[in-house]
Amino acid sequence: MAVEHEGQAELTKLVCFLLQGQEYAADIFFVKESLKMKPITRVALTPGWLAGIINLRGDVVAVIDVSLFLGMPKTEISSSTRIVVATHKGRRAGLLCDALCNLRNHDLATLQPPPATLDESASSVLAGVLTLEDDKPLRVLDLGALFESRELASFRRGDSP
């Protein structure tokens, strides 16, 4: 969260990534690492947005296809596909994304609310939208809200969502 010190806003470092050609970001506080694509094992009888599980240094970690979770088309795996490993309240999950972008510093006080046209499930996990220098939008995910969403509620066991 951006905090003011002596009239100046504190910048928050954001990890940026692409989903379906659109730039998204998450607070670096929640992001532990990013991984090159590795084999994902699909788990039967799970929602489509749960891409599967990976073995991360001996731990089983669930991988969420964030594009599908937000109502967009499935992530197409390519050489630039990455898994962003995030944590929240002791839980860990991988977030499947098309590619990583540069880290950015932004004042979250300038965050605008999510557009009213978004459906409820997508809007509930977006902290808001920032406008970049080139007037392009940067959609900021609220990873806490993602981990606490009702969609993930049935997966609250151990390190997986």
N, C-alpha and C. Protein backbone atom coordinates (compact mmCIF):
# COMPACT_ATOMS: atom_id res chain seq x y z
N MET A 1 0.83 -1.17 0.00
CA MET A 1 0.00 0.00 0.00
C MET A 1 0.88 1.24 0.00
N ALA A 2 0.52 2.23 -0.74
CA ALA A 2 1.29 3.48 -0.77
C ALA A 2 1.02 4.26 0.51
N VAL A 3 2.08 4.78 1.10
CA VAL A 3 1.98 5.55 2.33
C VAL A 3 2.70 6.87 2.12
N GLU A 4 2.11 7.96 2.61
CA GLU A 4 2.74 9.27 2.45
C GLU A 4 3.74 9.53 3.56
N HIS A 5 4.90 10.07 3.18
CA HIS A 5 5.93 10.49 4.11
C HIS A 5 6.31 11.91 3.75
N GLU A 6 6.03 12.85 4.65
CA GLU A 6 6.37 14.25 4.44
C GLU A 6 5.87 14.77 3.10
N GLY A 7 4.60 14.47 2.78
CA GLY A 7 3.99 15.00 1.56
C GLY A 7 4.31 14.24 0.29
N GLN A 8 5.16 13.21 0.39
CA GLN A 8 5.49 12.44 -0.81
C GLN A 8 4.93 11.03 -0.66
N ALA A 9 4.35 10.52 -1.71
CA ALA A 9 3.79 9.17 -1.68
C ALA A 9 4.92 8.16 -1.79
N GLU A 10 4.76 7.04 -1.11
CA GLU A 10 5.71 5.95 -1.20
C GLU A 10 5.31 5.08 -2.39
N LEU A 11 6.26 4.76 -3.22
CA LEU A 11 5.97 3.95 -4.39
C LEU A 11 5.97 2.47 -4.02
N THR A 12 5.06 1.74 -4.63
CA THR A 12 4.96 0.30 -4.43
C THR A 12 5.56 -0.38 -5.65
N LYS A 13 6.40 -1.39 -5.41
CA LYS A 13 7.00 -2.14 -6.51
C LYS A 13 6.01 -3.20 -6.96
N LEU A 14 5.76 -3.24 -8.27
CA LEU A 14 4.80 -4.17 -8.85
C LEU A 14 5.49 -5.12 -9.82
N VAL A 15 5.16 -6.40 -9.71
CA VAL A 15 5.61 -7.41 -10.66
C VAL A 15 4.58 -7.40 -11.79
N CYS A 16 5.03 -7.16 -13.00
CA CYS A 16 4.10 -7.03 -14.14
C CYS A 16 4.22 -8.23 -15.07
N PHE A 17 3.09 -8.62 -15.64
CA PHE A 17 3.06 -9.77 -16.54
C PHE A 17 1.91 -9.61 -17.53
N LEU A 18 1.97 -10.38 -18.60
CA LEU A 18 0.94 -10.32 -19.64
C LEU A 18 -0.04 -11.47 -19.50
N LEU A 19 -1.31 -11.13 -19.69
CA LEU A 19 -2.39 -12.10 -19.80
C LEU A 19 -3.19 -11.72 -21.04
N GLN A 20 -3.18 -12.56 -22.04
CA GLN A 20 -3.94 -12.31 -23.27
C GLN A 20 -3.62 -10.94 -23.87
N GLY A 21 -2.34 -10.56 -23.85
CA GLY A 21 -1.90 -9.30 -24.45
C GLY A 21 -2.16 -8.07 -23.61
N GLN A 22 -2.71 -8.24 -22.41
CA GLN A 22 -2.98 -7.12 -21.52
C GLN A 22 -2.01 -7.18 -20.34
N GLU A 23 -1.55 -6.00 -19.91
CA GLU A 23 -0.58 -5.98 -18.81
C GLU A 23 -1.29 -5.94 -17.46
N TYR A 24 -0.89 -6.87 -16.61
CA TYR A 24 -1.39 -6.99 -15.25
C TYR A 24 -0.21 -6.86 -14.30
N ALA A 25 -0.52 -6.61 -13.03
CA ALA A 25 0.55 -6.47 -12.03
C ALA A 25 0.07 -6.99 -10.69
N ALA A 26 1.03 -7.29 -9.82
CA ALA A 26 0.75 -7.70 -8.45
C ALA A 26 1.83 -7.11 -7.57
N ASP A 27 1.47 -6.77 -6.36
CA ASP A 27 2.41 -6.22 -5.39
C ASP A 27 3.52 -7.24 -5.16
N ILE A 28 4.77 -6.79 -5.25
CA ILE A 28 5.92 -7.68 -5.10
C ILE A 28 5.95 -8.33 -3.72
N PHE A 29 5.28 -7.74 -2.75
CA PHE A 29 5.22 -8.30 -1.40
C PHE A 29 4.68 -9.73 -1.42
N PHE A 30 3.73 -10.02 -2.31
CA PHE A 30 3.11 -11.34 -2.39
C PHE A 30 3.88 -12.31 -3.29
N VAL A 31 4.75 -11.79 -4.14
CA VAL A 31 5.43 -12.62 -5.14
C VAL A 31 6.76 -13.12 -4.58
N LYS A 32 6.94 -14.42 -4.61
CA LYS A 32 8.16 -15.02 -4.07
C LYS A 32 9.19 -15.33 -5.15
N GLU A 33 8.72 -15.72 -6.33
CA GLU A 33 9.65 -16.03 -7.42
C GLU A 33 8.87 -16.22 -8.71
N SER A 34 9.60 -16.25 -9.82
CA SER A 34 8.99 -16.59 -11.10
C SER A 34 9.78 -17.75 -11.67
N LEU A 35 9.07 -18.62 -12.36
CA LEU A 35 9.68 -19.83 -12.90
C LEU A 35 9.46 -19.92 -14.40
N LYS A 36 10.45 -20.46 -15.09
CA LYS A 36 10.21 -20.83 -16.48
C LYS A 36 9.20 -21.96 -16.45
N MET A 37 8.51 -22.12 -17.55
CA MET A 37 7.47 -23.14 -17.63
C MET A 37 8.06 -24.51 -17.30
N LYS A 38 7.33 -25.25 -16.51
CA LYS A 38 7.72 -26.62 -16.17
C LYS A 38 6.48 -27.49 -16.31
N PRO A 39 6.64 -28.80 -16.31
CA PRO A 39 5.47 -29.67 -16.47
C PRO A 39 4.43 -29.44 -15.38
N ILE A 40 3.18 -29.27 -15.84
CA ILE A 40 2.05 -29.10 -14.94
C ILE A 40 1.19 -30.35 -15.06
N THR A 41 0.91 -30.98 -13.93
CA THR A 41 0.09 -32.18 -13.91
C THR A 41 -1.36 -31.79 -13.65
N ARG A 42 -2.22 -32.07 -14.60
CA ARG A 42 -3.65 -31.76 -14.47
C ARG A 42 -4.24 -32.68 -13.41
N VAL A 43 -5.15 -32.15 -12.61
CA VAL A 43 -5.81 -32.91 -11.56
C VAL A 43 -7.28 -33.08 -11.96
N ALA A 44 -7.74 -34.32 -11.97
CA ALA A 44 -9.12 -34.61 -12.37
C ALA A 44 -10.12 -33.96 -11.42
N LEU A 45 -11.28 -33.62 -11.96
CA LEU A 45 -12.41 -33.10 -11.20
C LEU A 45 -12.11 -31.77 -10.50
N THR A 46 -11.27 -30.94 -11.13
CA THR A 46 -11.00 -29.60 -10.61
C THR A 46 -11.49 -28.59 -11.65
N PRO A 47 -11.74 -27.36 -11.23
CA PRO A 47 -12.20 -26.34 -12.18
C PRO A 47 -11.18 -26.12 -13.30
N GLY A 48 -11.66 -25.68 -14.46
CA GLY A 48 -10.78 -25.45 -15.61
C GLY A 48 -9.68 -24.45 -15.33
N TRP A 49 -9.94 -23.43 -14.48
CA TRP A 49 -8.93 -22.42 -14.20
C TRP A 49 -7.78 -22.95 -13.35
N LEU A 50 -7.95 -24.15 -12.76
CA LEU A 50 -6.84 -24.77 -12.04
C LEU A 50 -6.05 -25.58 -13.06
N ALA A 51 -4.96 -25.00 -13.53
CA ALA A 51 -4.17 -25.63 -14.59
C ALA A 51 -3.62 -26.98 -14.13
N GLY A 52 -3.34 -27.11 -12.85
CA GLY A 52 -2.82 -28.36 -12.31
C GLY A 52 -1.87 -28.08 -11.16
N ILE A 53 -0.95 -29.01 -10.97
CA ILE A 53 0.03 -28.88 -9.89
C ILE A 53 1.43 -29.06 -10.43
N ILE A 54 2.40 -28.45 -9.73
CA ILE A 54 3.81 -28.63 -10.07
C ILE A 54 4.56 -29.07 -8.83
N ASN A 55 5.72 -29.65 -9.06
CA ASN A 55 6.63 -30.00 -7.99
C ASN A 55 7.63 -28.86 -7.91
N LEU A 56 7.64 -28.15 -6.78
CA LEU A 56 8.56 -27.03 -6.59
C LEU A 56 9.50 -27.39 -5.44
N ARG A 57 10.66 -27.89 -5.80
CA ARG A 57 11.66 -28.30 -4.82
C ARG A 57 11.08 -29.23 -3.75
N GLY A 58 10.30 -30.21 -4.19
CA GLY A 58 9.73 -31.21 -3.29
C GLY A 58 8.35 -30.87 -2.74
N ASP A 59 7.87 -29.66 -2.95
CA ASP A 59 6.54 -29.26 -2.49
C ASP A 59 5.57 -29.26 -3.67
N VAL A 60 4.32 -29.65 -3.41
CA VAL A 60 3.28 -29.62 -4.43
C VAL A 60 2.63 -28.24 -4.38
N VAL A 61 2.60 -27.56 -5.53
CA VAL A 61 2.03 -26.22 -5.61
C VAL A 61 0.99 -26.19 -6.72
N ALA A 62 -0.21 -25.69 -6.40
CA ALA A 62 -1.27 -25.55 -7.39
C ALA A 62 -0.94 -24.39 -8.32
N VAL A 63 -1.28 -24.54 -9.60
CA VAL A 63 -1.06 -23.49 -10.60
C VAL A 63 -2.40 -23.05 -11.15
N ILE A 64 -2.66 -21.75 -11.04
CA ILE A 64 -3.92 -21.16 -11.49
C ILE A 64 -3.71 -20.51 -12.85
N ASP A 65 -4.55 -20.84 -13.82
CA ASP A 65 -4.54 -20.14 -15.10
C ASP A 65 -5.36 -18.87 -14.87
N VAL A 66 -4.67 -17.77 -14.57
CA VAL A 66 -5.33 -16.52 -14.19
C VAL A 66 -6.23 -16.02 -15.33
N SER A 67 -5.82 -16.23 -16.57
CA SER A 67 -6.66 -15.82 -17.70
C SER A 67 -8.04 -16.47 -17.61
N LEU A 68 -8.08 -17.78 -17.43
CA LEU A 68 -9.35 -18.49 -17.32
C LEU A 68 -10.11 -18.03 -16.07
N PHE A 69 -9.40 -17.82 -14.97
CA PHE A 69 -10.03 -17.38 -13.73
C PHE A 69 -10.74 -16.05 -13.94
N LEU A 70 -10.15 -15.17 -14.77
CA LEU A 70 -10.73 -13.86 -15.04
C LEU A 70 -11.73 -13.86 -16.20
N GLY A 71 -12.02 -15.04 -16.75
CA GLY A 71 -13.02 -15.14 -17.81
C GLY A 71 -12.48 -14.92 -19.21
N MET A 72 -11.17 -14.98 -19.36
CA MET A 72 -10.54 -14.83 -20.68
C MET A 72 -10.20 -16.22 -21.23
N PRO A 73 -9.73 -16.29 -22.48
CA PRO A 73 -9.33 -17.59 -23.03
C PRO A 73 -8.16 -18.22 -22.25
N LYS A 74 -8.05 -19.52 -22.39
CA LYS A 74 -6.99 -20.30 -21.74
C LYS A 74 -5.61 -19.79 -22.17
N THR A 75 -4.66 -19.81 -21.25
CA THR A 75 -3.28 -19.42 -21.56
C THR A 75 -2.66 -20.45 -22.49
N GLU A 76 -2.11 -19.97 -23.60
CA GLU A 76 -1.40 -20.84 -24.54
C GLU A 76 0.06 -20.93 -24.09
N ILE A 77 0.54 -22.13 -23.90
CA ILE A 77 1.90 -22.34 -23.43
C ILE A 77 2.88 -22.06 -24.57
N SER A 78 3.91 -21.24 -24.27
CA SER A 78 4.96 -20.93 -25.24
C SER A 78 6.28 -20.81 -24.50
N SER A 79 7.33 -20.46 -25.21
CA SER A 79 8.65 -20.32 -24.58
C SER A 79 8.70 -19.13 -23.61
N SER A 80 7.78 -18.19 -23.74
CA SER A 80 7.78 -17.03 -22.83
C SER A 80 6.83 -17.21 -21.63
N THR A 81 6.04 -18.29 -21.61
CA THR A 81 5.11 -18.54 -20.50
C THR A 81 5.89 -18.69 -19.20
N ARG A 82 5.36 -18.08 -18.14
CA ARG A 82 5.99 -18.14 -16.83
C ARG A 82 4.96 -18.50 -15.76
N ILE A 83 5.48 -19.00 -14.65
CA ILE A 83 4.67 -19.26 -13.47
C ILE A 83 5.18 -18.32 -12.38
N VAL A 84 4.30 -17.44 -11.92
CA VAL A 84 4.64 -16.51 -10.85
C VAL A 84 4.16 -17.14 -9.56
N VAL A 85 5.09 -17.43 -8.65
CA VAL A 85 4.73 -18.07 -7.39
C VAL A 85 4.44 -16.98 -6.36
N ALA A 86 3.22 -17.04 -5.81
CA ALA A 86 2.77 -16.03 -4.85
C ALA A 86 2.34 -16.71 -3.56
N THR A 87 2.40 -15.94 -2.47
CA THR A 87 1.95 -16.46 -1.18
C THR A 87 1.02 -15.46 -0.52
N HIS A 88 0.16 -16.00 0.33
CA HIS A 88 -0.76 -15.16 1.13
C HIS A 88 -1.16 -15.96 2.35
N LYS A 89 -0.89 -15.42 3.52
CA LYS A 89 -1.24 -16.05 4.80
C LYS A 89 -0.80 -17.51 4.85
N GLY A 90 0.44 -17.76 4.45
CA GLY A 90 1.00 -19.09 4.53
C GLY A 90 0.60 -20.04 3.42
N ARG A 91 -0.23 -19.59 2.50
CA ARG A 91 -0.64 -20.41 1.36
C ARG A 91 0.14 -19.99 0.13
N ARG A 92 0.38 -20.92 -0.76
CA ARG A 92 1.18 -20.63 -1.94
C ARG A 92 0.49 -21.17 -3.18
N ALA A 93 0.62 -20.45 -4.29
CA ALA A 93 0.08 -20.90 -5.57
C ALA A 93 0.93 -20.31 -6.69
N GLY A 94 0.92 -20.99 -7.81
CA GLY A 94 1.56 -20.48 -9.02
C GLY A 94 0.50 -19.82 -9.89
N LEU A 95 0.87 -18.71 -10.48
CA LEU A 95 -0.03 -17.99 -11.38
C LEU A 95 0.53 -18.10 -12.79
N LEU A 96 -0.19 -18.74 -13.66
CA LEU A 96 0.25 -18.94 -15.04
C LEU A 96 0.06 -17.65 -15.81
N CYS A 97 1.10 -17.17 -16.48
CA CYS A 97 0.98 -15.94 -17.27
C CYS A 97 1.72 -16.11 -18.60
N ASP A 98 1.32 -15.29 -19.58
CA ASP A 98 1.89 -15.40 -20.92
C ASP A 98 3.37 -15.03 -20.95
N ALA A 99 3.74 -14.00 -20.20
CA ALA A 99 5.13 -13.54 -20.16
C ALA A 99 5.29 -12.55 -19.01
N LEU A 100 6.51 -12.41 -18.55
CA LEU A 100 6.81 -11.38 -17.55
C LEU A 100 7.15 -10.08 -18.25
N CYS A 101 6.87 -8.97 -17.59
CA CYS A 101 7.23 -7.63 -18.06
C CYS A 101 8.18 -7.03 -17.03
N ASN A 102 8.54 -5.79 -17.22
CA ASN A 102 9.43 -5.11 -16.28
C ASN A 102 8.75 -4.88 -14.95
N LEU A 103 9.56 -4.83 -13.89
CA LEU A 103 9.05 -4.37 -12.59
C LEU A 103 8.73 -2.89 -12.74
N ARG A 104 7.72 -2.44 -12.03
CA ARG A 104 7.34 -1.02 -12.08
C ARG A 104 7.15 -0.51 -10.66
N ASN A 105 7.45 0.76 -10.46
CA ASN A 105 7.16 1.45 -9.20
C ASN A 105 5.99 2.37 -9.45
N HIS A 106 4.95 2.26 -8.64
CA HIS A 106 3.77 3.11 -8.81
C HIS A 106 3.23 3.54 -7.47
N ASP A 107 2.62 4.69 -7.47
CA ASP A 107 1.91 5.21 -6.31
C ASP A 107 0.50 4.65 -6.37
N LEU A 108 0.18 3.73 -5.47
CA LEU A 108 -1.14 3.10 -5.51
C LEU A 108 -2.25 4.06 -5.09
N ALA A 109 -1.88 5.26 -4.64
CA ALA A 109 -2.91 6.27 -4.35
C ALA A 109 -3.58 6.73 -5.63
N THR A 110 -2.94 6.51 -6.78
CA THR A 110 -3.52 6.90 -8.07
C THR A 110 -4.34 5.77 -8.70
N LEU A 111 -4.50 4.68 -7.98
CA LEU A 111 -5.26 3.54 -8.46
C LEU A 111 -6.72 3.90 -8.65
N GLN A 112 -7.25 3.61 -9.82
CA GLN A 112 -8.67 3.84 -10.13
C GLN A 112 -9.42 2.53 -9.91
N PRO A 113 -10.69 2.59 -9.53
CA PRO A 113 -11.45 1.35 -9.31
C PRO A 113 -11.59 0.55 -10.60
N PRO A 114 -11.82 -0.77 -10.47
CA PRO A 114 -12.03 -1.58 -11.67
C PRO A 114 -13.24 -1.07 -12.45
N PRO A 115 -13.22 -1.21 -13.77
CA PRO A 115 -14.36 -0.77 -14.57
C PRO A 115 -15.64 -1.48 -14.15
N ALA A 116 -16.74 -0.76 -14.17
CA ALA A 116 -18.04 -1.32 -13.78
C ALA A 116 -18.50 -2.40 -14.75
N THR A 117 -17.93 -2.43 -15.95
CA THR A 117 -18.36 -3.41 -16.95
C THR A 117 -17.78 -4.80 -16.72
N LEU A 118 -16.82 -4.94 -15.81
CA LEU A 118 -16.26 -6.27 -15.53
C LEU A 118 -17.26 -7.12 -14.77
N ASP A 119 -17.19 -8.43 -15.01
CA ASP A 119 -18.08 -9.29 -14.24
C ASP A 119 -17.58 -9.36 -12.79
N GLU A 120 -18.45 -9.80 -11.91
CA GLU A 120 -18.18 -9.75 -10.47
C GLU A 120 -16.94 -10.53 -10.06
N SER A 121 -16.73 -11.73 -10.63
CA SER A 121 -15.59 -12.54 -10.21
C SER A 121 -14.26 -11.88 -10.60
N ALA A 122 -14.19 -11.27 -11.77
CA ALA A 122 -12.97 -10.57 -12.18
C ALA A 122 -12.78 -9.30 -11.36
N SER A 123 -13.83 -8.55 -11.17
CA SER A 123 -13.76 -7.30 -10.43
C SER A 123 -13.36 -7.52 -8.98
N SER A 124 -13.77 -8.63 -8.40
CA SER A 124 -13.50 -8.89 -6.99
C SER A 124 -12.03 -9.16 -6.70
N VAL A 125 -11.24 -9.53 -7.71
CA VAL A 125 -9.82 -9.81 -7.48
C VAL A 125 -8.91 -8.73 -8.09
N LEU A 126 -9.51 -7.66 -8.59
CA LEU A 126 -8.73 -6.53 -9.10
C LEU A 126 -8.71 -5.41 -8.06
N ALA A 127 -7.52 -4.97 -7.70
CA ALA A 127 -7.40 -3.83 -6.79
C ALA A 127 -7.82 -2.56 -7.51
N GLY A 128 -7.55 -2.52 -8.83
CA GLY A 128 -7.90 -1.37 -9.63
C GLY A 128 -7.01 -1.28 -10.85
N VAL A 129 -7.03 -0.09 -11.48
CA VAL A 129 -6.29 0.12 -12.73
C VAL A 129 -5.45 1.38 -12.59
N LEU A 130 -4.20 1.28 -13.03
CA LEU A 130 -3.30 2.43 -13.10
C LEU A 130 -3.13 2.80 -14.57
N THR A 131 -2.86 4.06 -14.84
CA THR A 131 -2.59 4.49 -16.21
C THR A 131 -1.08 4.65 -16.37
N LEU A 132 -0.53 3.94 -17.37
CA LEU A 132 0.90 4.01 -17.63
C LEU A 132 1.25 5.26 -18.42
N GLU A 133 2.54 5.50 -18.55
CA GLU A 133 3.03 6.70 -19.25
C GLU A 133 2.46 6.83 -20.66
N ASP A 134 2.28 5.72 -21.35
CA ASP A 134 1.77 5.74 -22.73
C ASP A 134 0.24 5.64 -22.77
N ASP A 135 -0.41 5.97 -21.67
CA ASP A 135 -1.86 5.94 -21.52
C ASP A 135 -2.47 4.54 -21.60
N LYS A 136 -1.64 3.51 -21.50
CA LYS A 136 -2.16 2.15 -21.48
C LYS A 136 -2.53 1.79 -20.04
N PRO A 137 -3.55 0.96 -19.88
CA PRO A 137 -3.95 0.56 -18.52
C PRO A 137 -3.06 -0.55 -17.96
N LEU A 138 -2.82 -0.50 -16.68
CA LEU A 138 -2.13 -1.55 -15.94
C LEU A 138 -3.12 -2.05 -14.89
N ARG A 139 -3.58 -3.25 -15.07
CA ARG A 139 -4.58 -3.83 -14.17
C ARG A 139 -3.84 -4.44 -12.98
N VAL A 140 -4.16 -4.00 -11.78
CA VAL A 140 -3.46 -4.46 -10.58
C VAL A 140 -4.32 -5.49 -9.86
N LEU A 141 -3.79 -6.72 -9.78
CA LEU A 141 -4.50 -7.79 -9.08
C LEU A 141 -4.34 -7.63 -7.58
N ASP A 142 -5.37 -7.95 -6.86
CA ASP A 142 -5.32 -8.02 -5.40
C ASP A 142 -5.15 -9.50 -5.07
N LEU A 143 -3.89 -9.92 -4.87
CA LEU A 143 -3.63 -11.34 -4.65
C LEU A 143 -4.25 -11.84 -3.35
N GLY A 144 -4.37 -10.97 -2.36
CA GLY A 144 -5.07 -11.36 -1.14
C GLY A 144 -6.51 -11.73 -1.44
N ALA A 145 -7.18 -10.92 -2.23
CA ALA A 145 -8.58 -11.21 -2.62
C ALA A 145 -8.66 -12.48 -3.47
N LEU A 146 -7.67 -12.70 -4.32
CA LEU A 146 -7.65 -13.91 -5.15
C LEU A 146 -7.56 -15.14 -4.25
N PHE A 147 -6.60 -15.13 -3.31
CA PHE A 147 -6.43 -16.26 -2.41
C PHE A 147 -7.66 -16.47 -1.51
N GLU A 148 -8.36 -15.40 -1.17
CA GLU A 148 -9.52 -15.49 -0.29
C GLU A 148 -10.84 -15.65 -1.04
N SER A 149 -10.80 -15.69 -2.37
CA SER A 149 -12.03 -15.75 -3.18
C SER A 149 -12.80 -17.04 -2.90
N ARG A 150 -14.10 -16.97 -3.14
CA ARG A 150 -14.93 -18.16 -2.91
C ARG A 150 -14.56 -19.28 -3.87
N GLU A 151 -14.04 -18.92 -5.06
CA GLU A 151 -13.63 -19.94 -6.03
C GLU A 151 -12.50 -20.80 -5.47
N LEU A 152 -11.63 -20.20 -4.69
CA LEU A 152 -10.51 -20.96 -4.13
C LEU A 152 -10.83 -21.57 -2.77
N ALA A 153 -11.98 -21.24 -2.22
CA ALA A 153 -12.34 -21.68 -0.86
C ALA A 153 -12.27 -23.19 -0.69
N SER A 154 -12.64 -23.94 -1.72
CA SER A 154 -12.65 -25.41 -1.59
C SER A 154 -11.25 -26.01 -1.65
N PHE A 155 -10.24 -25.19 -1.92
CA PHE A 155 -8.87 -25.69 -2.04
C PHE A 155 -8.00 -25.25 -0.87
N ARG A 156 -8.59 -24.91 0.26
CA ARG A 156 -7.82 -24.38 1.39
C ARG A 156 -7.26 -25.49 2.24
N ARG A 157 -6.17 -26.05 1.74
CA ARG A 157 -5.50 -27.11 2.48
C ARG A 157 -4.02 -27.01 2.20
N GLY A 158 -3.21 -26.95 3.21
CA GLY A 158 -1.76 -26.91 3.04
C GLY A 158 -1.30 -25.70 2.27
N ASP A 159 -0.33 -25.91 1.40
CA ASP A 159 0.27 -24.81 0.63
C ASP A 159 -0.49 -24.51 -0.64
N SER A 160 -1.46 -25.30 -1.01
CA SER A 160 -2.19 -25.08 -2.25
C SER A 160 -3.42 -24.26 -1.98
N PRO A 161 -3.91 -23.52 -3.01
CA PRO A 161 -5.14 -22.77 -2.83
C PRO A 161 -6.32 -23.69 -2.66
